[in-house]
Amino acid sequence: MGLTAGSAAAPTRAADAVPPLTPDGEEARRWAEQELSDPVYDIAEPTPLDRIARAVGEFFQNLFSADVPGELGSLVALVAGIVVVLVIVAAFAVWGVPRATRRARSQTPALFGEDEHRSAAELRAAAASHARSGEWDAAIVLRFRALARGCLERGVVDTPPGATVHAFARAAARTFPQLGERLEAAASAFDDVRYLRRPGTAALYALIADTDDAVVAARPALQTEAVG
């Protein structure tokens, strides 16, 4: 049984519709661009930091693998040491000294058993506002919290959640030994007013405010003192 002209042409057209298994140059370039546009290749690309680290590593590898006469060995070591120091100094200049621990402390909202997100400056302003209105209890509590928050912001006294005012005063006294008695007196005033053992007065507020001002102006004897 013979094939008609129409039936013979159908397989030919079907074969023409199938892409060639071996593309020409233009088609191969287009396929390559489509493949490389896949986001997975972006993930595999080295970051600028990776390239910098690789370049530094290759520099030192080439430096120490080179054949250097014995009399120049110490000079090469000295140059390498200077380069390392310069790289470290540059890193500190660009990114600064690590402050992860200090940032974590400064973001702690709890202060003497209560959530308090305000900065030391904001607490001092709120305390002064209450003092102008003669609201001494609130003024005293807020000004002592400003004192503690200020030490925390400076990174000189760590005030973890749950710390008592007297534990804070003792830690602050180790950092500011010349102010130890005033810090303890201010802590007692805060505790007495807060727990209604005695009413707030202008004199007690002045005691805490003066102590806060003295701490702000004082130079710490220690970098950081933990409450405990």
C-alpha atoms as a PDB file:
ATOM      1  CA  MET A   1       0.000   0.000   0.000  1.00  0.00           C
ATOM      2  CA  GLY A   2       1.664   3.250  -1.069  1.00  0.00           C
ATOM      3  CA  LEU A   3       1.961   6.502   0.830  1.00  0.00           C
ATOM      4  CA  THR A   4       0.226   9.567  -0.463  1.00  0.00           C
ATOM      5  CA  ALA A   5       2.066  12.847  -0.896  1.00  0.00           C
ATOM      6  CA  GLY A   6       0.204  14.368   2.073  1.00  0.00           C
ATOM      7  CA  SER A   7       1.081  11.549   4.436  1.00  0.00           C
ATOM      8  CA  ALA A   8       4.748  11.713   3.427  1.00  0.00           C
ATOM      9  CA  ALA A   9       4.896  15.442   4.104  1.00  0.00           C
ATOM     10  CA  ALA A  10       3.460  15.136   7.637  1.00  0.00           C
ATOM     11  CA  PRO A  11       6.491  13.373   9.175  1.00  0.00           C
ATOM     12  CA  THR A  12       8.739  15.884   7.455  1.00  0.00           C
ATOM     13  CA  ARG A  13       6.929  18.814   9.054  1.00  0.00           C
ATOM     14  CA  ALA A  14       6.992  17.107  12.480  1.00  0.00           C
ATOM     15  CA  ALA A  15      10.719  16.569  12.210  1.00  0.00           C
ATOM     16  CA  ASP A  16      11.235  20.214  11.309  1.00  0.00           C
ATOM     17  CA  ALA A  17       9.404  21.268  14.501  1.00  0.00           C
ATOM     18  CA  VAL A  18      11.860  19.429  16.776  1.00  0.00           C
ATOM     19  CA  PRO A  19      14.826  21.610  17.822  1.00  0.00           C
ATOM     20  CA  PRO A  20      18.189  20.356  16.541  1.00  0.00           C
ATOM     21  CA  LEU A  21      20.230  18.408  19.083  1.00  0.00           C
ATOM     22  CA  THR A  22      23.352  20.391  18.151  1.00  0.00           C
ATOM     23  CA  PRO A  23      22.567  24.135  18.206  1.00  0.00           C
ATOM     24  CA  ASP A  24      24.358  26.670  16.069  1.00  0.00           C
ATOM     25  CA  GLY A  25      26.586  29.371  17.639  1.00  0.00           C
ATOM     26  CA  GLU A  26      23.839  31.940  18.231  1.00  0.00           C
ATOM     27  CA  GLU A  27      21.481  29.365  19.715  1.00  0.00           C
ATOM     28  CA  ALA A  28      24.202  28.017  22.035  1.00  0.00           C
ATOM     29  CA  ARG A  29      24.974  31.524  23.304  1.00  0.00           C
ATOM     30  CA  ARG A  30      21.290  32.148  24.030  1.00  0.00           C
ATOM     31  CA  TRP A  31      20.952  28.836  25.909  1.00  0.00           C
ATOM     32  CA  ALA A  32      24.031  29.642  27.977  1.00  0.00           C
ATOM     33  CA  GLU A  33      22.659  33.080  28.936  1.00  0.00           C
ATOM     34  CA  GLN A  34      19.346  31.545  29.978  1.00  0.00           C
ATOM     35  CA  GLU A  35      21.098  28.928  32.094  1.00  0.00           C
ATOM     36  CA  LEU A  36      23.426  31.397  33.803  1.00  0.00           C
ATOM     37  CA  SER A  37      20.509  33.712  34.633  1.00  0.00           C
ATOM     38  CA  ASP A  38      19.272  31.077  37.097  1.00  0.00           C
ATOM     39  CA  PRO A  39      19.485  32.570  40.670  1.00  0.00           C
ATOM     40  CA  VAL A  40      21.346  29.492  41.856  1.00  0.00           C
ATOM     41  CA  TYR A  41      24.457  30.815  40.100  1.00  0.00           C
ATOM     42  CA  ASP A  42      24.220  34.099  42.024  1.00  0.00           C
ATOM     43  CA  ILE A  43      24.433  32.177  45.287  1.00  0.00           C
ATOM     44  CA  ALA A  44      27.564  30.416  44.096  1.00  0.00           C
ATOM     45  CA  GLU A  45      29.297  33.684  43.174  1.00  0.00           C
ATOM     46  CA  PRO A  46      31.962  34.775  45.709  1.00  0.00           C
ATOM     47  CA  THR A  47      31.133  37.907  47.689  1.00  0.00           C
ATOM     48  CA  PRO A  48      33.462  40.945  47.767  1.00  0.00           C
ATOM     49  CA  LEU A  49      34.554  39.858  51.245  1.00  0.00           C
ATOM     50  CA  ASP A  50      35.407  36.418  49.877  1.00  0.00           C
ATOM     51  CA  ARG A  51      37.533  37.997  47.152  1.00  0.00           C
ATOM     52  CA  ILE A  52      39.363  40.231  49.652  1.00  0.00           C
ATOM     53  CA  ALA A  53      40.084  37.305  51.976  1.00  0.00           C
ATOM     54  CA  ARG A  54      41.320  35.234  49.043  1.00  0.00           C
ATOM     55  CA  ALA A  55      43.591  38.042  47.864  1.00  0.00           C
ATOM     56  CA  VAL A  56      45.090  38.497  51.340  1.00  0.00           C
ATOM     57  CA  GLY A  57      45.636  34.765  51.679  1.00  0.00           C
ATOM     58  CA  GLU A  58      47.331  34.557  48.285  1.00  0.00           C
ATOM     59  CA  PHE A  59      49.540  37.536  49.178  1.00  0.00           C
ATOM     60  CA  PHE A  60      50.870  35.868  52.321  1.00  0.00           C
ATOM     61  CA  GLN A  61      51.190  32.528  50.565  1.00  0.00           C
ATOM     62  CA  ASN A  62      53.315  34.091  47.837  1.00  0.00           C
ATOM     63  CA  LEU A  63      55.271  36.092  50.397  1.00  0.00           C
ATOM     64  CA  PHE A  64      56.338  33.115  52.469  1.00  0.00           C
ATOM     65  CA  SER A  65      56.693  30.626  49.623  1.00  0.00           C
ATOM     66  CA  ALA A  66      59.148  32.787  47.702  1.00  0.00           C
ATOM     67  CA  ASP A  67      62.833  31.982  47.831  1.00  0.00           C
ATOM     68  CA  VAL A  68      64.297  34.636  50.096  1.00  0.00           C
ATOM     69  CA  PRO A  69      67.974  34.831  51.032  1.00  0.00           C
ATOM     70  CA  GLY A  70      68.703  34.146  54.691  1.00  0.00           C
ATOM     71  CA  GLU A  71      69.754  37.706  55.474  1.00  0.00           C
ATOM     72  CA  LEU A  72      66.438  39.017  54.120  1.00  0.00           C
ATOM     73  CA  GLY A  73      64.261  36.557  56.043  1.00  0.00           C
ATOM     74  CA  SER A  74      63.921  38.788  59.092  1.00  0.00           C
ATOM     75  CA  LEU A  75      63.123  41.794  56.903  1.00  0.00           C
ATOM     76  CA  VAL A  76      60.388  39.863  55.116  1.00  0.00           C
ATOM     77  CA  ALA A  77      58.937  38.762  58.464  1.00  0.00           C
ATOM     78  CA  LEU A  78      58.993  42.374  59.687  1.00  0.00           C
ATOM     79  CA  VAL A  79      57.216  43.601  56.557  1.00  0.00           C
ATOM     80  CA  ALA A  80      54.624  40.859  56.882  1.00  0.00           C
ATOM     81  CA  GLY A  81      54.023  41.799  60.519  1.00  0.00           C
ATOM     82  CA  ILE A  82      53.573  45.453  59.605  1.00  0.00           C
ATOM     83  CA  VAL A  83      51.101  44.494  56.879  1.00  0.00           C
ATOM     84  CA  VAL A  84      49.074  42.411  59.350  1.00  0.00           C
ATOM     85  CA  VAL A  85      48.977  45.285  61.840  1.00  0.00           C
ATOM     86  CA  LEU A  86      47.899  47.737  59.133  1.00  0.00           C
ATOM     87  CA  VAL A  87      45.122  45.393  58.011  1.00  0.00           C
ATOM     88  CA  ILE A  88      43.852  45.066  61.592  1.00  0.00           C
ATOM     89  CA  VAL A  89      43.997  48.832  62.162  1.00  0.00           C
ATOM     90  CA  ALA A  90      42.150  49.447  58.894  1.00  0.00           C
ATOM     91  CA  ALA A  91      39.476  46.930  59.887  1.00  0.00           C
ATOM     92  CA  PHE A  92      38.951  48.684  63.236  1.00  0.00           C
ATOM     93  CA  ALA A  93      38.848  52.060  61.470  1.00  0.00           C
ATOM     94  CA  VAL A  94      36.169  50.858  59.045  1.00  0.00           C
ATOM     95  CA  TRP A  95      34.048  48.618  61.270  1.00  0.00           C
ATOM     96  CA  GLY A  96      34.959  49.894  64.741  1.00  0.00           C
ATOM     97  CA  VAL A  97      35.594  47.996  67.944  1.00  0.00           C
ATOM     98  CA  PRO A  98      33.137  45.112  68.442  1.00  0.00           C
ATOM     99  CA  ARG A  99      30.312  46.278  70.651  1.00  0.00           C
ATOM    100  CA  ALA A 100      27.958  43.315  70.506  1.00  0.00           C
ATOM    101  CA  THR A 101      27.884  42.835  74.266  1.00  0.00           C
ATOM    102  CA  ARG A 102      27.459  46.527  74.955  1.00  0.00           C
ATOM    103  CA  ARG A 103      24.650  46.836  72.385  1.00  0.00           C
ATOM    104  CA  ALA A 104      22.876  43.869  73.942  1.00  0.00           C
ATOM    105  CA  ARG A 105      23.058  45.529  77.355  1.00  0.00           C
ATOM    106  CA  SER A 106      21.873  48.923  76.113  1.00  0.00           C
ATOM    107  CA  GLN A 107      18.833  47.304  74.462  1.00  0.00           C
ATOM    108  CA  THR A 108      17.718  45.599  77.710  1.00  0.00           C
ATOM    109  CA  PRO A 109      14.311  47.127  78.563  1.00  0.00           C
ATOM    110  CA  ALA A 110      13.992  45.836  82.142  1.00  0.00           C
ATOM    111  CA  LEU A 111      15.289  48.144  84.853  1.00  0.00           C
ATOM    112  CA  PHE A 112      14.791  47.278  88.526  1.00  0.00           C
ATOM    113  CA  GLY A 113      11.879  44.957  87.856  1.00  0.00           C
ATOM    114  CA  GLU A 114      10.002  47.106  85.356  1.00  0.00           C
ATOM    115  CA  ASP A 115      10.152  47.547  81.598  1.00  0.00           C
ATOM    116  CA  GLU A 116      11.801  50.838  80.736  1.00  0.00           C
ATOM    117  CA  HIS A 117      12.716  51.637  77.130  1.00  0.00           C
ATOM    118  CA  ARG A 118      13.603  55.313  77.570  1.00  0.00           C
ATOM    119  CA  SER A 119      17.166  56.569  77.366  1.00  0.00           C
ATOM    120  CA  ALA A 120      18.946  58.227  80.279  1.00  0.00           C
ATOM    121  CA  ALA A 121      18.359  61.662  78.744  1.00  0.00           C
ATOM    122  CA  GLU A 122      14.637  60.964  78.338  1.00  0.00           C
ATOM    123  CA  LEU A 123      14.361  59.710  81.916  1.00  0.00           C
ATOM    124  CA  ARG A 124      16.142  62.814  83.249  1.00  0.00           C
ATOM    125  CA  ALA A 125      13.777  65.055  81.294  1.00  0.00           C
ATOM    126  CA  ALA A 126      10.730  63.181  82.636  1.00  0.00           C
ATOM    127  CA  ALA A 127      12.099  63.377  86.183  1.00  0.00           C
ATOM    128  CA  ALA A 128      12.683  67.122  85.875  1.00  0.00           C
ATOM    129  CA  SER A 129       9.126  67.591  84.610  1.00  0.00           C
ATOM    130  CA  HIS A 130       7.706  65.798  87.668  1.00  0.00           C
ATOM    131  CA  ALA A 131      10.001  67.779  89.953  1.00  0.00           C
ATOM    132  CA  ARG A 132       8.712  71.079  88.540  1.00  0.00           C
ATOM    133  CA  SER A 133       5.196  69.910  89.368  1.00  0.00           C
ATOM    134  CA  GLY A 134       6.194  68.928  92.902  1.00  0.00           C
ATOM    135  CA  GLU A 135       5.604  65.216  92.174  1.00  0.00           C
ATOM    136  CA  TRP A 136       8.630  64.105  94.141  1.00  0.00           C
ATOM    137  CA  ASP A 137       7.957  60.374  94.285  1.00  0.00           C
ATOM    138  CA  ALA A 138       7.858  60.019  90.498  1.00  0.00           C
ATOM    139  CA  ALA A 139      10.744  62.445  90.075  1.00  0.00           C
ATOM    140  CA  ILE A 140      12.978  60.449  92.459  1.00  0.00           C
ATOM    141  CA  VAL A 141      12.197  57.075  90.885  1.00  0.00           C
ATOM    142  CA  LEU A 142      12.774  58.336  87.359  1.00  0.00           C
ATOM    143  CA  ARG A 143      15.992  60.167  88.183  1.00  0.00           C
ATOM    144  CA  PHE A 144      17.543  57.106  89.814  1.00  0.00           C
ATOM    145  CA  ARG A 145      16.577  55.013  86.788  1.00  0.00           C
ATOM    146  CA  ALA A 146      18.227  57.667  84.640  1.00  0.00           C
ATOM    147  CA  LEU A 147      21.389  57.245  86.710  1.00  0.00           C
ATOM    148  CA  ALA A 148      21.369  53.481  86.165  1.00  0.00           C
ATOM    149  CA  ARG A 149      20.474  53.723  82.482  1.00  0.00           C
ATOM    150  CA  GLY A 150      23.268  56.251  81.961  1.00  0.00           C
ATOM    151  CA  CYS A 151      25.834  53.825  83.417  1.00  0.00           C
ATOM    152  CA  LEU A 152      24.454  51.097  81.176  1.00  0.00           C
ATOM    153  CA  GLU A 153      24.672  53.300  78.081  1.00  0.00           C
ATOM    154  CA  ARG A 154      28.282  54.153  78.890  1.00  0.00           C
ATOM    155  CA  GLY A 155      29.070  50.464  79.299  1.00  0.00           C
ATOM    156  CA  VAL A 156      30.572  50.928  82.783  1.00  0.00           C
ATOM    157  CA  VAL A 157      27.982  49.059  84.885  1.00  0.00           C
ATOM    158  CA  ASP A 158      25.950  46.101  83.657  1.00  0.00           C
ATOM    159  CA  THR A 159      22.385  46.128  85.005  1.00  0.00           C
ATOM    160  CA  PRO A 160      20.772  42.781  84.116  1.00  0.00           C
ATOM    161  CA  PRO A 161      17.037  42.143  84.524  1.00  0.00           C
ATOM    162  CA  GLY A 162      16.176  41.510  88.144  1.00  0.00           C
ATOM    163  CA  ALA A 163      19.066  43.508  89.585  1.00  0.00           C
ATOM    164  CA  THR A 164      18.226  45.394  92.782  1.00  0.00           C
ATOM    165  CA  VAL A 165      19.063  49.030  93.314  1.00  0.00           C
ATOM    166  CA  HIS A 166      21.511  48.204  96.109  1.00  0.00           C
ATOM    167  CA  ALA A 167      23.295  45.627  93.931  1.00  0.00           C
ATOM    168  CA  PHE A 168      23.567  48.313  91.276  1.00  0.00           C
ATOM    169  CA  ALA A 169      24.883  50.833  93.824  1.00  0.00           C
ATOM    170  CA  ARG A 170      27.593  48.399  94.958  1.00  0.00           C
ATOM    171  CA  ALA A 171      28.665  47.686  91.367  1.00  0.00           C
ATOM    172  CA  ALA A 172      28.660  51.399  90.537  1.00  0.00           C
ATOM    173  CA  ALA A 173      30.722  52.106  93.674  1.00  0.00           C
ATOM    174  CA  ARG A 174      33.410  49.722  92.413  1.00  0.00           C
ATOM    175  CA  THR A 175      33.499  51.681  89.169  1.00  0.00           C
ATOM    176  CA  PHE A 176      33.264  55.088  90.876  1.00  0.00           C
ATOM    177  CA  PRO A 177      34.818  54.456  94.311  1.00  0.00           C
ATOM    178  CA  GLN A 178      34.861  58.150  95.212  1.00  0.00           C
ATOM    179  CA  LEU A 179      31.052  58.185  94.936  1.00  0.00           C
ATOM    180  CA  GLY A 180      30.312  54.975  96.854  1.00  0.00           C
ATOM    181  CA  GLU A 181      28.539  56.559  99.845  1.00  0.00           C
ATOM    182  CA  ARG A 182      26.460  58.873  97.664  1.00  0.00           C
ATOM    183  CA  LEU A 183      25.409  55.991  95.408  1.00  0.00           C
ATOM    184  CA  GLU A 184      24.289  53.915  98.395  1.00  0.00           C
ATOM    185  CA  ALA A 185      22.356  56.874  99.845  1.00  0.00           C
ATOM    186  CA  ALA A 186      20.662  57.459  96.493  1.00  0.00           C
ATOM    187  CA  ALA A 187      19.724  53.777  96.249  1.00  0.00           C
ATOM    188  CA  SER A 188      18.210  53.873  99.745  1.00  0.00           C
ATOM    189  CA  ALA A 189      16.186  56.965  98.855  1.00  0.00           C
ATOM    190  CA  PHE A 190      14.882  55.288  95.695  1.00  0.00           C
ATOM    191  CA  ASP A 191      13.946  52.107  97.586  1.00  0.00           C
ATOM    192  CA  ASP A 192      12.230  53.956 100.452  1.00  0.00           C
ATOM    193  CA  VAL A 193      10.175  56.162  98.148  1.00  0.00           C
ATOM    194  CA  ARG A 194       9.286  53.389  95.749  1.00  0.00           C
ATOM    195  CA  TYR A 195       8.060  51.079  98.519  1.00  0.00           C
ATOM    196  CA  LEU A 196       6.370  53.884 100.467  1.00  0.00           C
ATOM    197  CA  ARG A 197       8.664  53.718 103.487  1.00  0.00           C
ATOM    198  CA  ARG A 198       8.999  57.499 103.357  1.00  0.00           C
ATOM    199  CA  PRO A 199       7.541  60.193 101.111  1.00  0.00           C
ATOM    200  CA  GLY A 200       9.511  61.832  98.373  1.00  0.00           C
ATOM    201  CA  THR A 201      10.874  65.283  99.059  1.00  0.00           C
ATOM    202  CA  ALA A 202      12.791  67.953  97.210  1.00  0.00           C
ATOM    203  CA  ALA A 203      15.847  67.107  99.314  1.00  0.00           C
ATOM    204  CA  LEU A 204      15.793  63.421  98.336  1.00  0.00           C
ATOM    205  CA  TYR A 205      15.352  64.346  94.692  1.00  0.00           C
ATOM    206  CA  ALA A 206      18.292  66.742  94.925  1.00  0.00           C
ATOM    207  CA  LEU A 207      20.395  63.965  96.494  1.00  0.00           C
ATOM    208  CA  ILE A 208      19.736  61.600  93.575  1.00  0.00           C
ATOM    209  CA  ALA A 209      20.046  64.310  90.917  1.00  0.00           C
ATOM    210  CA  ASP A 210      23.374  65.490  92.323  1.00  0.00           C
ATOM    211  CA  THR A 211      24.646  61.906  92.474  1.00  0.00           C
ATOM    212  CA  ASP A 212      23.576  61.327  88.878  1.00  0.00           C
ATOM    213  CA  ASP A 213      25.365  64.490  87.761  1.00  0.00           C
ATOM    214  CA  ALA A 214      28.500  63.442  89.651  1.00  0.00           C
ATOM    215  CA  VAL A 215      28.490  60.000  88.022  1.00  0.00           C
ATOM    216  CA  VAL A 216      28.079  61.558  84.582  1.00  0.00           C
ATOM    217  CA  ALA A 217      31.087  63.796  85.183  1.00  0.00           C
ATOM    218  CA  ALA A 218      33.247  61.108  86.818  1.00  0.00           C
ATOM    219  CA  ARG A 219      35.813  58.988  85.063  1.00  0.00           C
ATOM    220  CA  PRO A 220      35.257  55.263  85.693  1.00  0.00           C
ATOM    221  CA  ALA A 221      37.997  53.352  87.483  1.00  0.00           C
ATOM    222  CA  LEU A 222      36.989  50.134  85.642  1.00  0.00           C
ATOM    223  CA  GLN A 223      35.777  49.620  82.080  1.00  0.00           C
ATOM    224  CA  THR A 224      32.789  47.450  82.949  1.00  0.00           C
ATOM    225  CA  GLU A 225      31.420  46.260  86.289  1.00  0.00           C
ATOM    226  CA  ALA A 226      28.758  43.565  86.495  1.00  0.00           C
ATOM    227  CA  VAL A 227      25.991  43.835  89.065  1.00  0.00           C
ATOM    228  CA  GLY A 228      26.244  41.037  91.595  1.00  0.00           C
END
